[in-house]
Amino acid sequence: MIQASTRWLTADQATRLILDRELDPQDVVRAHLDAIDRFDGRIHAYIHVDRGATTNRGITLAVKDSQPVKGMPYTYATPSWRDRVAEEDAVPVARARAAGLAVLGKTNLPELAAAIGTTNTLFPPTHNPWRQGVTPGGSSGGSGAAVVAGMCTVALGGDTGGSIRIPASCCGVIGLRPTPDRIPSEEVDVTVLQSRGPMTRTVADARLLFSIMSATAQPPPANSAPRRVGVTYAGADAPCADACRRAADALSDAGHDVEEIAWNPDPVTEGYGTVRRASMASFPADLSTFGPGIQKLAAEGRGLTAMDYFHAFEKATDAANRSVAVPLQTRYDFLLTPTLGLPPMKIEDVPSFLGDAWARYVRFVLPVSFARTPAISIPAGLHDGLPVGVQLVGRFADEYELLDFAEELEQMPGFGFQRPPEVDG
């Protein structure tokens, strides 16, 4: 008999129980496979599951299907690579295996990771475990759904323009975008914005997975002196703005110095439109096999010149540095924003990639990507029964300091992980 509570164990809890000989590590694998059998037929978080996965640590890992896992499908959700199987592990996956984690399977994403929902032509759409028919976000939507539904301990996502933080907010989990290249990637990234990072149910688990995958050690905790935090929620829909205000008030009540800052995302979203079209056009695949939307954007990307790309990147980076990097370098320890400009929506209402409604959705995550700084999305309660999140942004390569501060917010009333009732059986 599999205990239902086993699937909700954090990595730290599982480790302690194993050390005390109160838990067989494989019980965690069995609990997650059981949850997949019971719930993934309607959620569709996974595109492949390894039923022979093993762990000596009681921790299971789900991996976004934009990253290779030896012997598993590696489709990137495009018909061009429908039958591709990875010949070796991505570096962070190999490090996770070496650390004793069970690689449980591959998770769903939109084609070429180019959407803020999780639909494609190869697999069924991924649904939000909080409510059927609602998007889990994207592009790491399968990873976010698997974590929040208790179908794995932790997951690996990828984030160019918000693809970890968006589903983390929509699903109500922790999503860390590290500084680019802190976690290695074998993928050629023409945008130089891509970051791989953990999606978890606690900040502590995000810290552990980041440490394993970046091969870095947690430094001694920073002092607990009051921090200076710049906050903005300009242009956010009311539920997202309200969550950010609550976080700002909580941090202020805890003794931190919180003050409003300016935010100018429009030049960033405009520049990213050019940069991302170019990246889609660069995929080494047959353009005719792409879905209609991706085919159109990739064709537009192939019509760009090098100067188009450089001017767009320069414009977006300059605006991002003014909003994000310079304030962090000169005045603030952290920035606080809503993670998203809009709350989760129905799958059919997800705005088209790089369109006007998309720009409002990503107005807080995208400037952070171009500033190349680490950021983390933290669950900030519910609106109309669906999760909303807030984003904390840290200084370049200071992930551990950011994680420590995020953990402080996570432990305040109204923040942190909650189990979705629909899958809490």
Protein backbone atom coordinates (compact mmCIF):
# COMPACT_ATOMS: atom_id res chain seq x y z
CA MET A 1 0.00 0.00 0.00
CA ILE A 2 1.47 3.36 -1.07
CA GLN A 3 0.97 6.13 1.46
CA ALA A 4 -0.52 9.22 -0.20
CA SER A 5 1.68 11.51 1.88
CA THR A 6 4.86 10.02 0.40
CA ARG A 7 4.37 11.82 -2.93
CA TRP A 8 4.34 15.20 -1.16
CA LEU A 9 7.61 14.74 0.69
CA THR A 10 10.21 17.43 0.12
CA ALA A 11 13.76 16.37 -0.68
CA ASP A 12 14.82 17.31 2.83
CA GLN A 13 11.97 15.34 4.43
CA ALA A 14 12.71 12.26 2.33
CA THR A 15 16.41 12.43 3.20
CA ARG A 16 15.69 12.55 6.94
CA LEU A 17 13.24 9.65 6.79
CA ILE A 18 15.71 7.53 4.83
CA LEU A 19 18.51 8.29 7.28
CA ASP A 20 16.18 7.26 10.12
CA ARG A 21 15.31 4.06 8.21
CA GLU A 22 11.66 5.05 8.15
CA LEU A 23 11.44 5.24 4.35
CA ASP A 24 12.58 3.08 1.46
CA PRO A 25 13.87 5.49 -1.25
CA GLN A 26 12.01 3.53 -3.92
CA ASP A 27 8.73 4.20 -2.11
CA VAL A 28 8.96 7.77 -3.41
CA VAL A 29 9.32 6.55 -6.99
CA ARG A 30 6.37 4.21 -6.51
CA ALA A 31 4.26 7.00 -5.00
CA HIS A 32 4.96 9.30 -7.92
CA LEU A 33 4.28 6.59 -10.49
CA ASP A 34 0.99 5.91 -8.72
CA ALA A 35 0.09 9.62 -8.85
CA ILE A 36 0.96 9.70 -12.57
CA ASP A 37 -1.32 6.71 -13.15
CA ARG A 38 -4.17 8.41 -11.28
CA PHE A 39 -3.92 11.99 -12.48
CA ASP A 40 -1.78 12.42 -15.59
CA GLY A 41 -4.41 10.97 -17.90
CA ARG A 42 -6.17 14.33 -17.64
CA ILE A 43 -3.27 16.66 -16.78
CA HIS A 44 -0.80 15.46 -19.47
CA ALA A 45 2.31 16.78 -17.74
CA TYR A 46 4.51 13.91 -19.01
CA ILE A 47 5.27 12.84 -22.56
CA HIS A 48 7.41 9.89 -21.35
CA VAL A 49 7.75 8.07 -18.01
CA ASP A 50 10.53 5.67 -16.98
CA ARG A 51 8.85 3.05 -14.81
CA GLY A 52 12.21 1.53 -14.00
CA ALA A 53 13.63 4.72 -12.47
CA THR A 54 15.64 4.21 -9.28
CA THR A 55 16.89 6.47 -6.49
CA ASN A 56 18.96 6.05 -3.35
CA ARG A 57 17.90 9.48 -2.04
CA GLY A 58 14.11 9.37 -2.29
CA ILE A 59 14.05 12.25 -4.79
CA THR A 60 12.53 12.07 -8.28
CA LEU A 61 13.25 14.49 -11.12
CA ALA A 62 11.10 15.37 -14.14
CA VAL A 63 12.91 16.98 -17.10
CA LYS A 64 11.47 19.37 -19.68
CA ASP A 65 11.57 17.83 -23.16
CA SER A 66 13.82 20.57 -24.49
CA GLN A 67 16.72 18.92 -22.66
CA PRO A 68 18.29 15.54 -23.41
CA VAL A 69 17.96 12.50 -21.15
CA LYS A 70 19.78 9.43 -22.43
CA GLY A 71 17.43 6.83 -23.88
CA MET A 72 14.34 9.06 -23.62
CA PRO A 73 12.43 11.03 -26.28
CA TYR A 74 13.94 14.39 -27.16
CA THR A 75 11.26 15.94 -29.34
CA TYR A 76 11.21 19.64 -28.40
CA ALA A 77 7.50 19.17 -29.19
CA THR A 78 8.08 19.55 -32.93
CA PRO A 79 7.21 16.99 -35.65
CA SER A 80 10.74 17.45 -37.02
CA TRP A 81 12.07 15.47 -34.05
CA ARG A 82 9.07 13.25 -33.36
CA ASP A 83 11.20 10.09 -33.28
CA ARG A 84 14.44 11.52 -31.87
CA VAL A 85 15.90 9.78 -28.80
CA ALA A 86 18.70 11.39 -26.78
CA GLU A 87 22.06 9.64 -26.84
CA GLU A 88 23.39 11.26 -23.66
CA ASP A 89 22.25 13.22 -20.64
CA ALA A 90 22.37 16.98 -20.37
CA VAL A 91 25.06 17.98 -17.87
CA PRO A 92 22.59 18.92 -15.09
CA VAL A 93 20.72 15.65 -15.61
CA ALA A 94 23.97 13.69 -15.36
CA ARG A 95 24.82 15.56 -12.16
CA ALA A 96 21.39 14.78 -10.72
CA ARG A 97 21.82 11.07 -11.49
CA ALA A 98 25.27 11.09 -9.87
CA ALA A 99 23.71 12.66 -6.77
CA GLY A 100 21.24 9.75 -6.49
CA LEU A 101 18.10 11.33 -7.97
CA ALA A 102 15.72 9.22 -10.08
CA VAL A 103 15.06 10.74 -13.51
CA LEU A 104 11.36 9.93 -13.74
CA GLY A 105 10.58 11.16 -17.24
CA LYS A 106 10.19 13.97 -19.77
CA THR A 107 7.60 16.75 -19.49
CA ASN A 108 5.48 18.53 -22.06
CA LEU A 109 6.15 21.94 -23.62
CA PRO A 110 4.95 24.02 -26.58
CA GLU A 111 6.68 23.55 -29.93
CA LEU A 112 10.27 24.83 -29.75
CA ALA A 113 9.40 26.21 -26.29
CA ALA A 114 7.85 29.18 -28.09
CA ALA A 115 4.63 29.93 -26.18
CA ILE A 116 3.37 30.89 -22.74
CA GLY A 117 0.99 27.92 -22.69
CA THR A 118 1.74 24.23 -23.16
CA THR A 119 0.11 22.98 -26.36
CA ASN A 120 1.61 21.38 -29.47
CA THR A 121 0.68 19.06 -32.32
CA LEU A 122 2.43 15.95 -30.93
CA PHE A 123 0.88 15.54 -27.48
CA PRO A 124 -2.32 16.49 -25.67
CA PRO A 125 -2.34 19.96 -24.05
CA THR A 126 -1.13 20.17 -20.47
CA HIS A 127 -3.81 21.29 -18.00
CA ASN A 128 -3.31 23.14 -14.75
CA PRO A 129 -3.78 20.76 -11.79
CA TRP A 130 -5.68 23.52 -10.01
CA ARG A 131 -8.43 23.53 -12.64
CA GLN A 132 -9.07 21.49 -15.77
CA GLY A 133 -9.05 23.61 -18.91
CA VAL A 134 -6.75 26.27 -17.45
CA THR A 135 -3.18 26.69 -18.73
CA PRO A 136 -0.25 25.72 -16.51
CA GLY A 137 1.75 28.41 -18.29
CA GLY A 138 4.73 27.77 -20.53
CA SER A 139 7.01 26.87 -21.82
CA SER A 140 7.99 24.64 -18.86
CA GLY A 141 4.31 23.92 -18.24
CA GLY A 142 4.65 20.16 -17.99
CA SER A 143 7.36 20.51 -15.35
CA GLY A 144 5.30 22.95 -13.31
CA ALA A 145 2.20 20.75 -13.50
CA ALA A 146 4.14 17.63 -12.48
CA VAL A 147 5.58 19.35 -9.40
CA VAL A 148 2.34 20.93 -8.16
CA ALA A 149 0.39 17.69 -8.70
CA GLY A 150 2.81 15.66 -6.59
CA MET A 151 3.91 13.60 -9.60
CA CYS A 152 7.62 14.19 -8.88
CA THR A 153 9.73 15.72 -6.12
CA VAL A 154 11.40 18.36 -8.29
CA ALA A 155 11.65 19.27 -11.97
CA LEU A 156 14.07 20.86 -14.39
CA GLY A 157 12.86 23.69 -16.62
CA GLY A 158 14.35 26.18 -19.04
CA ASP A 159 13.81 29.94 -19.13
CA THR A 160 14.60 32.33 -21.97
CA GLY A 161 11.74 34.82 -21.70
CA GLY A 162 10.10 33.61 -18.50
CA SER A 163 9.55 29.91 -19.24
CA ILE A 164 10.31 28.75 -15.69
CA ARG A 165 8.76 31.65 -13.83
CA ILE A 166 5.53 31.80 -15.87
CA PRO A 167 4.42 28.21 -15.12
CA ALA A 168 5.72 28.49 -11.56
CA SER A 169 3.31 31.38 -11.04
CA CYS A 170 0.40 29.71 -12.87
CA CYS A 171 0.84 26.41 -10.99
CA GLY A 172 1.74 27.80 -7.57
CA VAL A 173 5.26 26.41 -7.21
CA ILE A 174 8.79 27.76 -6.77
CA GLY A 175 10.62 28.51 -10.02
CA LEU A 176 14.25 29.68 -10.04
CA ARG A 177 15.82 31.22 -13.14
CA PRO A 178 19.55 31.27 -12.34
CA THR A 179 22.02 33.59 -14.00
CA PRO A 180 22.51 32.19 -17.54
CA ASP A 181 25.14 29.42 -17.75
CA ARG A 182 25.32 28.86 -14.00
CA ILE A 183 23.73 25.51 -14.82
CA PRO A 184 25.48 24.19 -17.96
CA SER A 185 23.80 23.71 -21.32
CA GLU A 186 24.96 21.79 -24.38
CA GLU A 187 22.43 23.70 -26.50
CA VAL A 188 23.52 26.46 -28.87
CA ASP A 189 21.50 29.50 -27.77
CA VAL A 190 21.57 32.38 -30.23
CA THR A 191 19.65 34.57 -27.79
CA VAL A 192 22.29 34.08 -25.01
CA LEU A 193 19.34 34.46 -22.60
CA GLN A 194 18.60 30.79 -21.88
CA SER A 195 18.84 29.56 -18.31
CA ARG A 196 18.12 26.12 -16.88
CA GLY A 197 16.72 25.95 -13.40
CA PRO A 198 14.69 24.08 -10.77
CA MET A 199 10.95 23.99 -10.23
CA THR A 200 10.04 22.77 -6.75
CA ARG A 201 7.51 22.97 -3.94
CA THR A 202 9.89 24.69 -1.50
CA VAL A 203 12.75 27.16 -1.71
CA ALA A 204 14.91 24.66 0.20
CA ASP A 205 14.44 22.09 -2.59
CA ALA A 206 15.25 24.74 -5.22
CA ARG A 207 18.46 25.50 -3.33
CA LEU A 208 19.39 21.81 -3.22
CA LEU A 209 18.72 21.19 -6.91
CA PHE A 210 20.54 24.36 -7.93
CA SER A 211 23.55 23.31 -5.84
CA ILE A 212 23.63 19.86 -7.47
CA MET A 213 23.14 21.05 -11.03
CA SER A 214 25.51 24.04 -10.82
CA ALA A 215 28.12 22.04 -8.86
CA THR A 216 28.37 24.87 -6.34
CA ALA A 217 28.19 24.91 -2.56
CA GLN A 218 25.94 27.04 -0.38
CA PRO A 219 28.05 29.80 1.19
CA PRO A 220 27.55 30.78 4.83
CA PRO A 221 24.17 32.53 5.28
CA ALA A 222 24.26 36.28 4.76
CA ASN A 223 23.64 38.50 7.76
CA SER A 224 20.03 39.25 8.60
CA ALA A 225 20.35 43.03 8.32
CA PRO A 226 17.38 44.87 6.76
CA ARG A 227 17.50 44.81 2.95
CA ARG A 228 16.63 47.50 0.47
CA VAL A 229 13.97 46.30 -1.98
CA GLY A 230 12.73 48.09 -5.10
CA VAL A 231 9.13 47.23 -5.96
CA THR A 232 6.89 47.77 -8.98
CA TYR A 233 3.54 46.41 -10.12
CA ALA A 234 2.85 49.05 -12.76
CA GLY A 235 0.60 47.71 -15.52
CA ALA A 236 -0.31 44.48 -13.72
CA ASP A 237 -3.86 43.14 -13.57
CA ALA A 238 -5.45 43.72 -10.16
CA PRO A 239 -4.93 40.20 -8.67
CA CYS A 240 -1.24 40.24 -9.66
CA ALA A 241 -0.72 43.77 -8.35
CA ASP A 242 -2.50 42.89 -5.09
CA ALA A 243 -0.19 39.90 -4.54
CA CYS A 244 2.84 42.13 -5.04
CA ARG A 245 1.49 44.74 -2.61
CA ARG A 246 0.96 42.03 0.00
CA ALA A 247 4.53 40.86 -0.45
CA ALA A 248 5.85 44.42 -0.22
CA ASP A 249 3.85 45.02 2.97
CA ALA A 250 5.06 41.74 4.50
CA LEU A 251 8.69 42.57 3.79
CA SER A 252 8.25 46.11 5.07
CA ASP A 253 6.62 44.81 8.28
CA ALA A 254 9.63 42.50 8.69
CA GLY A 255 11.91 45.54 8.77
CA HIS A 256 13.08 45.76 5.18
CA ASP A 257 13.25 49.08 3.32
CA VAL A 258 10.79 48.86 0.41
CA GLU A 259 10.31 51.63 -2.16
CA GLU A 260 8.73 51.91 -5.59
CA ILE A 261 10.83 51.93 -8.76
CA ALA A 262 10.25 52.78 -12.42
CA TRP A 263 9.63 49.96 -14.94
CA ASN A 264 9.86 50.24 -18.73
CA PRO A 265 9.18 46.85 -20.37
CA ASP A 266 7.97 47.99 -23.81
CA PRO A 267 11.40 48.33 -25.51
CA VAL A 268 12.32 44.93 -24.10
CA THR A 269 9.26 43.12 -25.45
CA GLU A 270 9.71 44.82 -28.83
CA GLY A 271 13.36 43.82 -29.05
CA TYR A 272 12.67 40.28 -27.88
CA GLY A 273 10.21 39.84 -30.73
CA THR A 274 13.09 40.18 -33.19
CA VAL A 275 15.56 38.15 -31.16
CA ARG A 276 13.15 35.25 -30.65
CA ARG A 277 12.13 35.13 -34.30
CA ALA A 278 15.80 34.80 -35.17
CA SER A 279 16.27 31.99 -32.64
CA MET A 280 13.34 30.00 -34.05
CA ALA A 281 14.69 30.44 -37.58
CA SER A 282 18.03 29.02 -36.43
CA PHE A 283 16.67 25.61 -35.35
CA PRO A 284 18.33 22.89 -37.50
CA ALA A 285 15.03 21.43 -38.64
CA ASP A 286 12.78 21.43 -41.70
CA LEU A 287 10.71 24.63 -41.53
CA SER A 288 7.79 22.95 -43.31
CA THR A 289 7.30 20.52 -40.42
CA PHE A 290 6.65 23.29 -37.87
CA GLY A 291 3.14 24.21 -36.76
CA PRO A 292 1.56 27.16 -38.60
CA GLY A 293 2.30 29.77 -35.92
CA ILE A 294 5.93 28.73 -35.47
CA GLN A 295 6.37 28.38 -39.22
CA LYS A 296 5.28 32.00 -39.70
CA LEU A 297 7.56 33.37 -36.96
CA ALA A 298 10.53 31.31 -38.15
CA ALA A 299 10.00 32.50 -41.73
CA GLU A 300 10.00 36.08 -40.47
CA GLY A 301 13.19 35.31 -38.56
CA ARG A 302 14.90 34.07 -41.71
CA GLY A 303 14.19 37.42 -43.32
CA LEU A 304 16.09 39.36 -40.65
CA THR A 305 19.56 40.81 -41.16
CA ALA A 306 22.40 40.70 -38.65
CA MET A 307 21.92 44.42 -38.04
CA ASP A 308 18.21 43.88 -37.31
CA TYR A 309 19.20 41.38 -34.64
CA PHE A 310 21.96 43.52 -33.09
CA HIS A 311 19.83 46.68 -32.96
CA ALA A 312 16.92 44.80 -31.37
CA PHE A 313 19.17 43.13 -28.80
CA GLU A 314 20.87 46.41 -27.94
CA LYS A 315 17.56 48.24 -27.52
CA ALA A 316 16.08 45.54 -25.29
CA THR A 317 19.22 45.14 -23.18
CA ASP A 318 19.59 48.88 -22.62
CA ALA A 319 16.01 49.17 -21.35
CA ALA A 320 16.40 46.06 -19.18
CA ASN A 321 19.62 47.33 -17.65
CA ARG A 322 17.98 50.65 -16.76
CA SER A 323 15.02 48.92 -15.07
CA VAL A 324 16.81 45.95 -13.50
CA ALA A 325 20.60 45.76 -13.56
CA VAL A 326 21.54 49.36 -12.71
CA PRO A 327 19.12 49.65 -9.75
CA LEU A 328 20.51 46.39 -8.36
CA GLN A 329 24.10 47.52 -8.85
CA THR A 330 23.64 50.97 -7.36
CA ARG A 331 20.81 51.03 -4.83
CA TYR A 332 18.84 47.85 -4.12
CA ASP A 333 19.64 44.40 -2.79
CA PHE A 334 16.56 42.89 -4.47
CA LEU A 335 13.66 43.83 -6.72
CA LEU A 336 10.06 42.69 -6.18
CA THR A 337 7.39 42.48 -8.89
CA PRO A 338 4.37 40.35 -9.75
CA THR A 339 5.62 37.36 -11.69
CA LEU A 340 2.99 37.89 -14.40
CA GLY A 341 0.93 40.80 -15.60
CA LEU A 342 -2.20 38.61 -15.84
CA PRO A 343 -3.55 35.68 -13.79
CA PRO A 344 -3.86 32.13 -15.24
CA MET A 345 -6.38 31.81 -18.07
CA LYS A 346 -8.21 29.15 -20.05
CA ILE A 347 -6.04 27.19 -22.46
CA GLU A 348 -7.90 28.58 -25.47
CA ASP A 349 -7.40 32.16 -24.22
CA VAL A 350 -3.59 32.00 -23.99
CA PRO A 351 -2.33 34.92 -26.12
CA SER A 352 -0.33 34.24 -29.25
CA PHE A 353 3.43 34.30 -28.86
CA LEU A 354 5.04 37.72 -29.35
CA GLY A 355 1.67 39.49 -29.70
CA ASP A 356 0.32 42.48 -27.76
CA ALA A 357 -1.50 40.47 -25.07
CA TRP A 358 1.61 38.30 -24.66
CA ALA A 359 3.64 41.47 -24.00
CA ARG A 360 1.41 42.38 -21.06
CA TYR A 361 1.67 38.85 -19.66
CA VAL A 362 5.51 38.86 -19.64
CA ARG A 363 6.10 42.53 -18.73
CA PHE A 364 7.86 41.61 -15.46
CA VAL A 365 9.78 38.45 -16.39
CA LEU A 366 11.24 39.55 -19.72
CA PRO A 367 13.33 42.56 -18.58
CA VAL A 368 14.96 40.30 -15.99
CA SER A 369 15.97 37.86 -18.73
CA PHE A 370 17.70 40.60 -20.71
CA ALA A 371 19.43 41.93 -17.58
CA ARG A 372 20.87 38.39 -17.13
CA THR A 373 20.20 38.40 -13.40
CA PRO A 374 18.74 35.56 -11.30
CA ALA A 375 15.07 35.63 -10.32
CA ILE A 376 12.63 33.41 -8.47
CA SER A 377 8.83 33.11 -8.54
CA ILE A 378 7.16 32.42 -5.19
CA PRO A 379 3.52 31.36 -4.69
CA ALA A 380 1.51 34.27 -3.30
CA GLY A 381 -1.88 32.76 -2.60
CA LEU A 382 -4.91 32.32 -4.83
CA HIS A 383 -7.28 34.48 -6.85
CA ASP A 384 -10.59 32.92 -7.85
CA GLY A 385 -9.15 29.55 -6.84
CA LEU A 386 -6.06 29.84 -9.08
CA PRO A 387 -2.46 30.62 -8.07
CA VAL A 388 -0.70 33.96 -8.41
CA GLY A 389 3.01 34.51 -7.86
CA VAL A 390 5.49 37.24 -7.06
CA GLN A 391 9.00 37.57 -8.45
CA LEU A 392 12.13 38.41 -6.48
CA VAL A 393 15.17 39.47 -8.51
CA GLY A 394 18.74 39.31 -7.25
CA ARG A 395 22.17 40.45 -8.31
CA PHE A 396 24.22 38.74 -11.00
CA ALA A 397 25.36 35.24 -9.90
CA ASP A 398 24.08 35.78 -6.33
CA GLU A 399 21.57 32.92 -6.43
CA TYR A 400 22.17 31.76 -2.87
CA GLU A 401 21.58 35.20 -1.40
CA LEU A 402 18.39 35.45 -3.49
CA LEU A 403 17.25 32.00 -2.29
CA ASP A 404 17.81 32.98 1.34
CA PHE A 405 15.69 36.11 0.94
CA ALA A 406 13.03 34.20 -0.99
CA GLU A 407 12.82 31.68 1.83
CA GLU A 408 12.11 34.50 4.26
CA LEU A 409 9.15 35.62 2.14
CA GLU A 410 8.00 32.03 1.57
CA GLN A 411 7.59 31.52 5.32
CA MET A 412 5.38 34.59 5.79
CA PRO A 413 1.58 34.14 6.03
CA GLY A 414 -0.09 34.04 2.61
CA PHE A 415 2.95 32.78 0.71
CA GLY A 416 4.39 29.39 -0.21
CA PHE A 417 3.13 26.14 -1.69
CA GLN A 418 -0.43 24.82 -1.36
CA ARG A 419 -1.73 21.48 -2.61
CA PRO A 420 -4.36 21.68 -5.37
CA PRO A 421 -7.56 20.08 -4.02
CA GLU A 422 -8.29 18.28 -7.31
CA VAL A 423 -5.13 16.12 -6.98
CA ASP A 424 -4.74 15.98 -3.19
CA GLY A 425 -5.99 12.43 -2.87
